[in-house]
Amino acid sequence: VSPSRAEAAAWEVCEGAEEMTEPLKQCTAWLHAYFCQPARMASLPLPAFHHPLLQRDSFTGQVLRTLLRDVKFGEAVSYKRLAELAGNSRAARAVGGAMRSNPIPIIIPCHRVICSSGRSGHYGGGNLMKEWLLSHEKLQKEKIAY
């Protein structure tokens, strides 16, 4: 039986697992769950975030922490609503800037932030990637619900 591409990729990443640090192992496990076993994500710890942007008490840091905490797998939020959740309802454009500054896309799910009109908006990985990630989450969430 031939392994799927995702399984083959996981094997390649984990082949040298004994040499990986614990944070890298957590990150690898989390990403594998995100793409291949989303139902497991809730039981996995988030990888540790040591990026200075996430440590500072800034609006950008607040937006990214709010996104991570409040917008769950398979959900989407508008730039405007995320600004409200982060404490400044008039800062929708600043939320866009925060998304562009996101040092850890996918783990901090900036792809879940869309325009109020329902359009997907921009994404650093490209709009096709953003649409794929949103579709992936929607389909996986439906599978988990059954």
N, C-alpha and C. Protein backbone atom coordinates (compact mmCIF):
# COMPACT_ATOMS: atom_id res chain seq x y z
N VAL A 1 0.85 -1.17 0.00
CA VAL A 1 0.00 0.00 0.00
C VAL A 1 0.89 1.24 0.00
N SER A 2 0.61 2.14 -0.87
CA SER A 2 1.40 3.36 -0.98
C SER A 2 0.89 4.41 0.00
N PRO A 3 1.80 5.05 0.78
CA PRO A 3 1.34 6.07 1.73
C PRO A 3 0.87 7.32 1.01
N SER A 4 -0.06 8.04 1.64
CA SER A 4 -0.52 9.30 1.06
C SER A 4 0.62 10.29 1.10
N ARG A 5 0.48 11.39 0.34
CA ARG A 5 1.51 12.42 0.33
C ARG A 5 1.72 13.00 1.72
N ALA A 6 0.63 13.22 2.46
CA ALA A 6 0.75 13.79 3.81
C ALA A 6 1.50 12.84 4.73
N GLU A 7 1.19 11.53 4.63
CA GLU A 7 1.89 10.56 5.46
C GLU A 7 3.36 10.50 5.09
N ALA A 8 3.67 10.57 3.80
CA ALA A 8 5.05 10.54 3.36
C ALA A 8 5.79 11.77 3.87
N ALA A 9 5.15 12.94 3.82
CA ALA A 9 5.76 14.17 4.31
C ALA A 9 6.00 14.08 5.81
N ALA A 10 5.05 13.53 6.54
CA ALA A 10 5.20 13.39 7.99
C ALA A 10 6.37 12.45 8.29
N TRP A 11 6.50 11.41 7.52
CA TRP A 11 7.59 10.47 7.73
C TRP A 11 8.93 11.17 7.51
N GLU A 12 9.03 11.97 6.44
CA GLU A 12 10.27 12.68 6.16
C GLU A 12 10.63 13.63 7.30
N VAL A 13 9.65 14.36 7.82
CA VAL A 13 9.90 15.30 8.91
C VAL A 13 10.30 14.56 10.17
N CYS A 14 9.65 13.45 10.46
CA CYS A 14 9.86 12.76 11.73
C CYS A 14 11.01 11.76 11.69
N GLU A 15 11.59 11.55 10.51
CA GLU A 15 12.66 10.56 10.40
C GLU A 15 13.81 10.88 11.36
N GLY A 16 14.16 12.15 11.54
CA GLY A 16 15.23 12.54 12.46
C GLY A 16 14.68 13.03 13.78
N ALA A 17 13.54 12.50 14.22
CA ALA A 17 12.84 13.00 15.41
C ALA A 17 13.69 12.99 16.66
N GLU A 18 14.60 12.03 16.77
CA GLU A 18 15.42 11.98 17.98
C GLU A 18 16.32 13.20 18.10
N GLU A 19 16.56 13.90 17.00
CA GLU A 19 17.41 15.09 17.01
C GLU A 19 16.61 16.38 17.21
N MET A 20 15.29 16.31 17.16
CA MET A 20 14.46 17.51 17.28
C MET A 20 14.31 17.93 18.73
N THR A 21 14.25 19.25 18.93
CA THR A 21 13.97 19.78 20.26
C THR A 21 12.50 19.58 20.57
N GLU A 22 12.15 19.68 21.84
CA GLU A 22 10.75 19.49 22.24
C GLU A 22 9.81 20.50 21.57
N PRO A 23 10.15 21.80 21.50
CA PRO A 23 9.25 22.73 20.81
C PRO A 23 9.05 22.38 19.33
N LEU A 24 10.10 21.91 18.68
CA LEU A 24 9.96 21.52 17.27
C LEU A 24 9.08 20.27 17.14
N LYS A 25 9.23 19.34 18.08
CA LYS A 25 8.36 18.15 18.08
C LYS A 25 6.90 18.56 18.27
N GLN A 26 6.64 19.51 19.18
CA GLN A 26 5.27 19.98 19.40
C GLN A 26 4.72 20.63 18.14
N CYS A 27 5.54 21.44 17.50
CA CYS A 27 5.11 22.13 16.29
C CYS A 27 4.80 21.12 15.17
N THR A 28 5.68 20.14 15.02
CA THR A 28 5.48 19.11 14.00
C THR A 28 4.19 18.32 14.26
N ALA A 29 3.97 17.94 15.52
CA ALA A 29 2.76 17.20 15.88
C ALA A 29 1.51 18.04 15.63
N TRP A 30 1.59 19.33 15.97
CA TRP A 30 0.44 20.21 15.79
C TRP A 30 0.12 20.37 14.30
N LEU A 31 1.13 20.60 13.48
CA LEU A 31 0.91 20.77 12.04
C LEU A 31 0.40 19.47 11.40
N HIS A 32 0.93 18.34 11.84
CA HIS A 32 0.44 17.06 11.32
C HIS A 32 -1.03 16.89 11.66
N ALA A 33 -1.39 17.21 12.90
CA ALA A 33 -2.81 17.10 13.30
C ALA A 33 -3.66 18.07 12.48
N TYR A 34 -3.19 19.30 12.29
CA TYR A 34 -3.96 20.29 11.54
C TYR A 34 -4.30 19.76 10.15
N PHE A 35 -3.33 19.21 9.47
CA PHE A 35 -3.56 18.77 8.09
C PHE A 35 -4.16 17.38 7.98
N CYS A 36 -3.84 16.48 8.91
CA CYS A 36 -4.23 15.08 8.74
C CYS A 36 -5.22 14.55 9.76
N GLN A 37 -5.25 15.11 10.97
CA GLN A 37 -6.11 14.59 12.04
C GLN A 37 -6.67 15.73 12.88
N PRO A 38 -7.46 16.63 12.30
CA PRO A 38 -7.92 17.81 13.03
C PRO A 38 -8.63 17.51 14.35
N ALA A 39 -9.26 16.37 14.49
CA ALA A 39 -9.95 16.04 15.74
C ALA A 39 -8.96 15.96 16.90
N ARG A 40 -7.69 15.67 16.62
CA ARG A 40 -6.66 15.58 17.67
C ARG A 40 -6.16 16.94 18.14
N MET A 41 -6.39 17.99 17.37
CA MET A 41 -5.82 19.30 17.67
C MET A 41 -6.19 19.78 19.07
N ALA A 42 -7.41 19.54 19.49
CA ALA A 42 -7.86 20.04 20.80
C ALA A 42 -7.06 19.43 21.95
N SER A 43 -6.53 18.23 21.73
CA SER A 43 -5.78 17.57 22.81
C SER A 43 -4.28 17.88 22.77
N LEU A 44 -3.85 18.60 21.76
CA LEU A 44 -2.42 18.93 21.66
C LEU A 44 -2.14 20.33 22.19
N PRO A 45 -1.02 20.50 22.86
CA PRO A 45 -0.66 21.86 23.29
C PRO A 45 -0.21 22.66 22.08
N LEU A 46 -0.47 23.96 22.11
CA LEU A 46 0.07 24.82 21.07
C LEU A 46 1.57 24.88 21.24
N PRO A 47 2.30 24.95 20.14
CA PRO A 47 3.75 25.13 20.27
C PRO A 47 4.03 26.43 21.03
N ALA A 48 5.14 26.49 21.71
CA ALA A 48 5.53 27.69 22.45
C ALA A 48 5.87 28.81 21.48
N PHE A 49 5.41 30.01 21.80
CA PHE A 49 5.67 31.17 20.95
C PHE A 49 6.67 32.08 21.65
N HIS A 50 7.81 32.27 21.02
CA HIS A 50 8.84 33.11 21.61
C HIS A 50 9.14 34.33 20.76
N HIS A 51 8.35 34.56 19.73
CA HIS A 51 8.60 35.69 18.85
C HIS A 51 8.34 37.00 19.61
N PRO A 52 9.23 37.98 19.50
CA PRO A 52 9.07 39.25 20.24
C PRO A 52 7.74 39.95 19.98
N LEU A 53 7.22 39.84 18.78
CA LEU A 53 5.95 40.48 18.46
C LEU A 53 4.82 39.96 19.34
N LEU A 54 4.90 38.70 19.71
CA LEU A 54 3.85 38.09 20.53
C LEU A 54 4.07 38.33 22.02
N GLN A 55 5.24 38.77 22.38
CA GLN A 55 5.54 39.05 23.78
C GLN A 55 5.18 40.47 24.19
N ARG A 56 5.19 41.38 23.21
CA ARG A 56 4.94 42.80 23.50
C ARG A 56 3.46 43.05 23.78
N ASP A 57 3.24 44.09 24.55
CA ASP A 57 1.87 44.54 24.81
C ASP A 57 1.53 45.60 23.77
N SER A 58 1.21 45.15 22.56
CA SER A 58 0.88 46.05 21.46
C SER A 58 -0.45 45.63 20.87
N PHE A 59 -1.02 46.51 20.05
CA PHE A 59 -2.29 46.15 19.42
C PHE A 59 -2.11 44.94 18.52
N THR A 60 -1.01 44.89 17.78
CA THR A 60 -0.75 43.74 16.90
C THR A 60 -0.69 42.46 17.72
N GLY A 61 0.06 42.47 18.81
CA GLY A 61 0.12 41.28 19.67
C GLY A 61 -1.24 40.91 20.22
N GLN A 62 -2.01 41.92 20.62
CA GLN A 62 -3.36 41.66 21.15
C GLN A 62 -4.25 41.03 20.08
N VAL A 63 -4.17 41.54 18.85
CA VAL A 63 -4.97 40.99 17.75
C VAL A 63 -4.60 39.53 17.50
N LEU A 64 -3.31 39.24 17.43
CA LEU A 64 -2.88 37.88 17.15
C LEU A 64 -3.27 36.92 18.29
N ARG A 65 -3.13 37.36 19.52
CA ARG A 65 -3.54 36.51 20.66
C ARG A 65 -5.06 36.31 20.66
N THR A 66 -5.81 37.36 20.34
CA THR A 66 -7.28 37.25 20.28
C THR A 66 -7.70 36.29 19.18
N LEU A 67 -7.08 36.41 18.02
CA LEU A 67 -7.38 35.50 16.91
C LEU A 67 -7.12 34.06 17.32
N LEU A 68 -5.99 33.82 17.92
CA LEU A 68 -5.62 32.47 18.34
C LEU A 68 -6.61 31.91 19.37
N ARG A 69 -7.02 32.73 20.30
CA ARG A 69 -7.89 32.29 21.39
C ARG A 69 -9.36 32.17 20.97
N ASP A 70 -9.86 33.11 20.15
CA ASP A 70 -11.30 33.22 19.94
C ASP A 70 -11.84 32.68 18.62
N VAL A 71 -11.01 32.51 17.63
CA VAL A 71 -11.51 32.06 16.31
C VAL A 71 -11.05 30.63 16.11
N LYS A 72 -11.99 29.73 16.24
CA LYS A 72 -11.69 28.30 16.25
C LYS A 72 -11.58 27.70 14.85
N PHE A 73 -11.04 26.50 14.81
CA PHE A 73 -10.90 25.72 13.58
C PHE A 73 -12.24 25.68 12.84
N GLY A 74 -12.22 26.01 11.55
CA GLY A 74 -13.42 25.98 10.73
C GLY A 74 -14.27 27.22 10.82
N GLU A 75 -13.86 28.21 11.61
CA GLU A 75 -14.59 29.47 11.72
C GLU A 75 -13.85 30.56 10.96
N ALA A 76 -14.54 31.66 10.71
CA ALA A 76 -13.92 32.84 10.11
C ALA A 76 -14.44 34.06 10.85
N VAL A 77 -13.69 35.14 10.78
CA VAL A 77 -14.05 36.38 11.44
C VAL A 77 -13.68 37.53 10.50
N SER A 78 -14.44 38.59 10.53
CA SER A 78 -14.10 39.74 9.69
C SER A 78 -13.01 40.56 10.37
N TYR A 79 -12.31 41.35 9.57
CA TYR A 79 -11.30 42.26 10.12
C TYR A 79 -11.95 43.17 11.16
N LYS A 80 -13.14 43.67 10.84
CA LYS A 80 -13.85 44.57 11.74
C LYS A 80 -14.19 43.88 13.06
N ARG A 81 -14.72 42.68 12.99
CA ARG A 81 -15.10 41.95 14.20
C ARG A 81 -13.87 41.61 15.04
N LEU A 82 -12.78 41.25 14.40
CA LEU A 82 -11.57 40.95 15.14
C LEU A 82 -11.04 42.21 15.84
N ALA A 83 -11.16 43.35 15.18
CA ALA A 83 -10.77 44.62 15.82
C ALA A 83 -11.61 44.85 17.08
N GLU A 84 -12.92 44.58 16.98
CA GLU A 84 -13.80 44.73 18.14
C GLU A 84 -13.38 43.78 19.26
N LEU A 85 -13.13 42.52 18.91
CA LEU A 85 -12.74 41.53 19.91
C LEU A 85 -11.41 41.90 20.59
N ALA A 86 -10.53 42.57 19.82
CA ALA A 86 -9.23 42.96 20.36
C ALA A 86 -9.28 44.28 21.11
N GLY A 87 -10.46 44.93 21.13
CA GLY A 87 -10.62 46.12 21.95
C GLY A 87 -10.64 47.46 21.26
N ASN A 88 -10.64 47.49 19.91
CA ASN A 88 -10.70 48.76 19.20
C ASN A 88 -11.54 48.59 17.94
N SER A 89 -12.81 48.87 18.06
CA SER A 89 -13.76 48.62 16.97
C SER A 89 -13.47 49.42 15.70
N ARG A 90 -12.65 50.47 15.80
CA ARG A 90 -12.36 51.30 14.61
C ARG A 90 -11.01 50.95 13.98
N ALA A 91 -10.45 49.82 14.32
CA ALA A 91 -9.10 49.50 13.88
C ALA A 91 -9.04 48.33 12.88
N ALA A 92 -10.05 48.21 12.02
CA ALA A 92 -10.06 47.09 11.07
C ALA A 92 -8.83 47.11 10.15
N ARG A 93 -8.38 48.29 9.73
CA ARG A 93 -7.18 48.36 8.88
C ARG A 93 -5.95 47.92 9.65
N ALA A 94 -5.88 48.27 10.92
CA ALA A 94 -4.75 47.85 11.75
C ALA A 94 -4.74 46.33 11.92
N VAL A 95 -5.92 45.72 11.93
CA VAL A 95 -6.00 44.26 11.99
C VAL A 95 -5.35 43.67 10.74
N GLY A 96 -5.60 44.29 9.58
CA GLY A 96 -4.94 43.84 8.36
C GLY A 96 -3.43 43.91 8.49
N GLY A 97 -2.93 44.98 9.08
CA GLY A 97 -1.50 45.11 9.32
C GLY A 97 -0.98 44.03 10.25
N ALA A 98 -1.77 43.72 11.27
CA ALA A 98 -1.38 42.66 12.21
C ALA A 98 -1.31 41.31 11.49
N MET A 99 -2.24 41.07 10.58
CA MET A 99 -2.22 39.82 9.83
C MET A 99 -0.96 39.73 8.97
N ARG A 100 -0.57 40.85 8.35
CA ARG A 100 0.65 40.87 7.54
C ARG A 100 1.90 40.64 8.40
N SER A 101 1.84 41.00 9.68
CA SER A 101 2.98 40.84 10.58
C SER A 101 3.04 39.47 11.25
N ASN A 102 2.03 38.67 11.07
CA ASN A 102 1.93 37.38 11.75
C ASN A 102 3.18 36.54 11.49
N PRO A 103 3.96 36.24 12.53
CA PRO A 103 5.19 35.48 12.33
C PRO A 103 4.96 33.97 12.20
N ILE A 104 3.74 33.50 12.50
CA ILE A 104 3.49 32.06 12.50
C ILE A 104 2.16 31.74 11.81
N PRO A 105 2.05 32.01 10.49
CA PRO A 105 0.80 31.69 9.80
C PRO A 105 0.44 30.21 9.97
N ILE A 106 -0.80 29.90 9.85
CA ILE A 106 -1.46 28.61 10.06
C ILE A 106 -1.61 28.36 11.55
N ILE A 107 -0.53 28.38 12.34
CA ILE A 107 -0.68 28.16 13.78
C ILE A 107 -1.45 29.33 14.39
N ILE A 108 -1.05 30.57 14.07
CA ILE A 108 -1.89 31.72 14.39
C ILE A 108 -2.66 31.97 13.11
N PRO A 109 -3.93 31.57 13.07
CA PRO A 109 -4.67 31.37 11.82
C PRO A 109 -5.17 32.64 11.13
N CYS A 110 -4.25 33.44 10.60
CA CYS A 110 -4.65 34.67 9.93
C CYS A 110 -5.47 34.39 8.67
N HIS A 111 -5.42 33.18 8.15
CA HIS A 111 -6.25 32.83 6.99
C HIS A 111 -7.74 32.85 7.36
N ARG A 112 -8.08 32.82 8.64
CA ARG A 112 -9.48 32.82 9.07
C ARG A 112 -10.08 34.23 9.10
N VAL A 113 -9.29 35.24 8.81
CA VAL A 113 -9.77 36.62 8.84
C VAL A 113 -10.16 37.01 7.42
N ILE A 114 -11.43 37.38 7.27
CA ILE A 114 -11.97 37.69 5.95
C ILE A 114 -12.61 39.08 5.96
N CYS A 115 -12.99 39.55 4.78
CA CYS A 115 -13.66 40.84 4.66
C CYS A 115 -15.11 40.73 5.15
N SER A 116 -15.66 41.84 5.59
CA SER A 116 -17.06 41.87 6.05
C SER A 116 -18.01 41.45 4.94
N SER A 117 -17.61 41.68 3.69
CA SER A 117 -18.45 41.33 2.54
C SER A 117 -18.49 39.82 2.31
N GLY A 118 -17.60 39.08 2.98
CA GLY A 118 -17.54 37.64 2.77
C GLY A 118 -16.39 37.25 1.84
N ARG A 119 -15.80 38.22 1.14
CA ARG A 119 -14.63 37.93 0.29
C ARG A 119 -13.49 37.49 1.20
N SER A 120 -12.59 36.71 0.66
CA SER A 120 -11.51 36.18 1.51
C SER A 120 -10.48 37.22 1.91
N GLY A 121 -10.29 38.25 1.10
CA GLY A 121 -9.26 39.23 1.44
C GLY A 121 -7.89 38.72 1.06
N HIS A 122 -6.86 39.41 1.45
CA HIS A 122 -5.49 39.06 1.08
C HIS A 122 -4.90 38.06 2.06
N TYR A 123 -3.83 37.40 1.59
CA TYR A 123 -3.12 36.43 2.43
C TYR A 123 -1.69 36.37 1.94
N GLY A 124 -0.74 36.39 2.88
CA GLY A 124 0.67 36.38 2.52
C GLY A 124 1.07 35.16 1.70
N GLY A 125 0.42 34.04 1.90
CA GLY A 125 0.71 32.83 1.15
C GLY A 125 -0.02 32.77 -0.18
N GLY A 126 -0.76 33.83 -0.49
CA GLY A 126 -1.54 33.87 -1.73
C GLY A 126 -3.01 33.55 -1.48
N ASN A 127 -3.86 34.16 -2.27
CA ASN A 127 -5.30 33.98 -2.07
C ASN A 127 -5.77 32.56 -2.32
N LEU A 128 -5.14 31.84 -3.26
CA LEU A 128 -5.53 30.44 -3.48
C LEU A 128 -5.22 29.59 -2.26
N MET A 129 -4.08 29.87 -1.61
CA MET A 129 -3.73 29.13 -0.40
C MET A 129 -4.73 29.44 0.72
N LYS A 130 -5.10 30.71 0.86
CA LYS A 130 -6.07 31.09 1.88
C LYS A 130 -7.40 30.37 1.65
N GLU A 131 -7.86 30.37 0.42
CA GLU A 131 -9.12 29.70 0.10
C GLU A 131 -9.02 28.20 0.37
N TRP A 132 -7.85 27.61 0.05
CA TRP A 132 -7.67 26.18 0.30
C TRP A 132 -7.72 25.90 1.80
N LEU A 133 -7.03 26.71 2.60
CA LEU A 133 -7.02 26.51 4.06
C LEU A 133 -8.42 26.63 4.64
N LEU A 134 -9.17 27.63 4.19
CA LEU A 134 -10.55 27.79 4.67
C LEU A 134 -11.41 26.60 4.27
N SER A 135 -11.25 26.12 3.04
CA SER A 135 -12.02 24.95 2.58
C SER A 135 -11.62 23.70 3.35
N HIS A 136 -10.31 23.52 3.56
CA HIS A 136 -9.81 22.38 4.32
C HIS A 136 -10.46 22.34 5.71
N GLU A 137 -10.46 23.49 6.38
CA GLU A 137 -11.03 23.54 7.73
C GLU A 137 -12.53 23.27 7.71
N LYS A 138 -13.21 23.85 6.75
CA LYS A 138 -14.67 23.65 6.68
C LYS A 138 -15.00 22.17 6.46
N LEU A 139 -14.30 21.53 5.52
CA LEU A 139 -14.54 20.12 5.24
C LEU A 139 -14.19 19.24 6.44
N GLN A 140 -13.07 19.52 7.07
CA GLN A 140 -12.65 18.71 8.22
C GLN A 140 -13.59 18.90 9.41
N LYS A 141 -14.06 20.13 9.60
CA LYS A 141 -15.00 20.39 10.69
C LYS A 141 -16.30 19.62 10.47
N GLU A 142 -16.74 19.56 9.22
CA GLU A 142 -17.96 18.78 8.90
C GLU A 142 -17.74 17.30 9.18
N LYS A 143 -16.56 16.76 8.86
CA LYS A 143 -16.26 15.36 9.12
C LYS A 143 -16.25 15.08 10.63
N ILE A 144 -15.66 16.01 11.40
CA ILE A 144 -15.58 15.84 12.86
C ILE A 144 -16.99 15.86 13.46
N ALA A 145 -17.88 16.67 12.89
CA ALA A 145 -19.24 16.78 13.42
C ALA A 145 -20.05 15.51 13.25
N TYR A 146 -19.66 14.67 12.28
CA TYR A 146 -20.43 13.45 12.05
C TYR A 146 -19.98 12.33 12.91
